[in-house]
Amino acid sequence: MDASTEAFQRQKLVRHENLLWLILAQGVVILPLLIRLPFWLWAVWLSAMVWRFRIHAGKLNFPSTAIKFVLGCGCVAGLMASYQGTVGVEPMIGFLVCAFVLKLLELRTRKDGLLLLFIGFIAVAAQFLFAQTFLAALYACLSCVVLITAWQTIYLTRKFSYRYKLKTGGILLLHAMPLMVVMFVIMPRIGPLWRVPMPQGSGNTGFSDSLSPGDLGNLVRSTGTAFRVTFKGAQIPAPRDMYWRGLVLENFDGRSWDLDPQWDLAWSQRASDVQLEGLLDYDIIVEPHQYRWLFSLAEPIKVAAGRTRARITQQGLIAAQGPVMSRLQYSVVSMPASDFNWPDLTPQQRARLLHLPSQFNPQTLQLARSWTLEGLTAQALIEKALSWYNESFHYTLQPPLLGQHSVDDFLFNTKRGFCEHFASSFTVLMRAAGVPARVVVGYQGGTYNTLEDYWIVSQADAHAWAEVWLDGKGWQRIDPTSAVAPQRIEQGIGNALTGDEKEMVASGQFDAPQWMTNLRHRLDAAGYVWNRWVLSYDSDKQNKLLTRLFGGVEPWRVGLSFIVIIVLLLGAYAVMVIRPKWQRSTPLQRALNIFDSTTKQLGLQRERDETIAAFCFRLAEQQPELSAPCKQLAKVSERALYADDKRCKAELTRALRRFPR
């Protein structure tokens, strides 16, 4: 240890190498946070880092209390200006990052370094407020490895390679993993003690509670995932029959469809009242979208969402108690709509489902009335409309803009549209012809992931269709898009569009190389397992697991099991990691033991404090016939003793093993 190092150790100051590791650890930890926070925080961090390096170089002094006060007030003012005085997760995380960064300017001693590292572990936990994915968990582990490495570097007085330090940091984290897993499995799963406002800009995926021409055309360009589905039984519908209902839109103002204000009224019919044959039983993990609606196949008769209260509405939808602010897993049982016992429409419901604003779309209203005068039945009206679509219309992601009378423009002028154009115009036609109808928004189809046996429903699968009421049959699903582009329903949107339009869907994922598609599926499968078994590990799953492992969930049983597991882990750690070194003899020690045994049989034993070379000279005097091997062994022994080289020790090991017996 040189004089400067000794002085730093005596005063417990932060050395240059410590400073580098602390700043590296800080950068790794706050990187995913800075991406979500105002851009000026990058400048704050870079300025603090440069300032601290110049302090270490003797070019600047540590800031005074007054300067630190001004810097702190400036950061608080900046956060208030950036978030306009609102209180939420992002401003609080911004405040944490500011304190974390400015701590560099008073980093003097080892104690300051430890405080910086402890704040770093809090910042790692804060990373999960923005993302809880599998990749986010891996990055958090990487952050912990760097923090632990920086932690142990503070106490090192010798130089080691970066690779060795990171390796030991990773090993220390691995040592904590078993205890972490045990704590995760056993500790009670309690809900949040208070509701934390979601970060701005997160969870804004999917569609809203209204539908206008062009809305879904914009949504299918997104690469996001809407939800993932696992069917429990052997009965799995074909992709063309997977119509995932999200919203039913019944109010039309002449251009847009809106959600009925009372859409979430509970459904009075109970699961025990319906026919329980041919049911579909499946689990859904939905991504956060900040709305209350959930997705299901028609007709849901049972839903369970753990701690989150969810119910089936009168429109056959599923409504959560509050907005879906984080990833949610729920189970649904659905029955075929054809087997459902629909209650008759009330006069008020029928009037609402036939209502159209009279001042809009006069050509469409006139056409529908002319069809009615022909005496066509409701079923004949549907077939006539679908036949017209099939003969005269074109499916495109880039439809022309529509005027004030949007349905008239679409049906009689442009005749080019996306699924919402067909669903909206078909519903208006049916209502004008006296058939109750409504628009349904959700998703259609999905992509099967063979790695984990589940379906991925992405934003590119967003779809709109219609439902019409037929007396004696109830609600019937009619998809006018299938009359224009049947491949959209049979094979997905990727096969319904061509050329430039196909590249727009999901940001061109359908044209990606096969290896990239396979890699995306593997990563998604890893994330799915993470979501299903880690993020969705709630109290119900915990009770089932503990009952299966320990025979019950009583506190004494779980506590006793926890103690036994901890004792077993500590015992395994003691045996495998911290066992005495004498139990782990090296090849050189084993060769030396064999050499001592050999010489003992010759009547001469090496003294406890006698070197190999000295013993060889003494042995050669008493056993002249062994003079040559003794001199050779003594020579190799002296070289290994003073050279401090692994190759010399290996040569000494071989020489000991070759000594005559």
Foldseek 3Di string as FASTA:
>chain_A
DDPVLVVCVVVQWQDPVLLVLLLVLLCLLCVLLCVQADVCVVVLLVVLSVQLVCVNVVNDPQDDPVVLVVQLVVQLVVLCVVVVNDDALSSVLSNLNSVLRNLSSVRTGLVSSVVSLVSSLVSLVSSVLQPDFPVSVVSSLVSQLSSQLSNVVSVDSDDDDPVVSSVVSNVVVVLCVVVVVLCQLQPAFDDDPDDGDRRPPPQQADADQKDFFQRLLVLLLAQFFFKKKFWDDPDDDALLQPDKFWAWFQDDPLTMTGGDPPQAAADPDALVVFDPPPKTKMKMWGAFNFAFWDIDHPAWRDKDFDPWDWGQHPVRTIGTPGGRHGTTMMMTMHDDLQRDDDDDDDPVLLCSLLDDPPVADPVLLVVLVVVLVVVDDLVRLLVVLLVLLLPQAAEASDFDDADSRRLNCCSPPRRYGHQVNQQVNSSNSSSSNSWRKIKTWDFGGFDAQPVQGMTTTRSSRTHMWMWTQDPPRGTDTDRSVCSHQVCCSNPNPCVRDDDPRNCSRSVHPSVDDPVVVVVVSVSVVVRVCCCVPPVNCHNVVSQVVCCVVQVGSDPVSSVVVSVVVVVVSVVVCCVPPVDDCVVVDDLLVVLVVVLQVVVVVVVDGADPPHFLLRVLVVVCVVVVVQVVLSNVLNVLRVCCVPVVDPVSSVVNSVSSNPRDD
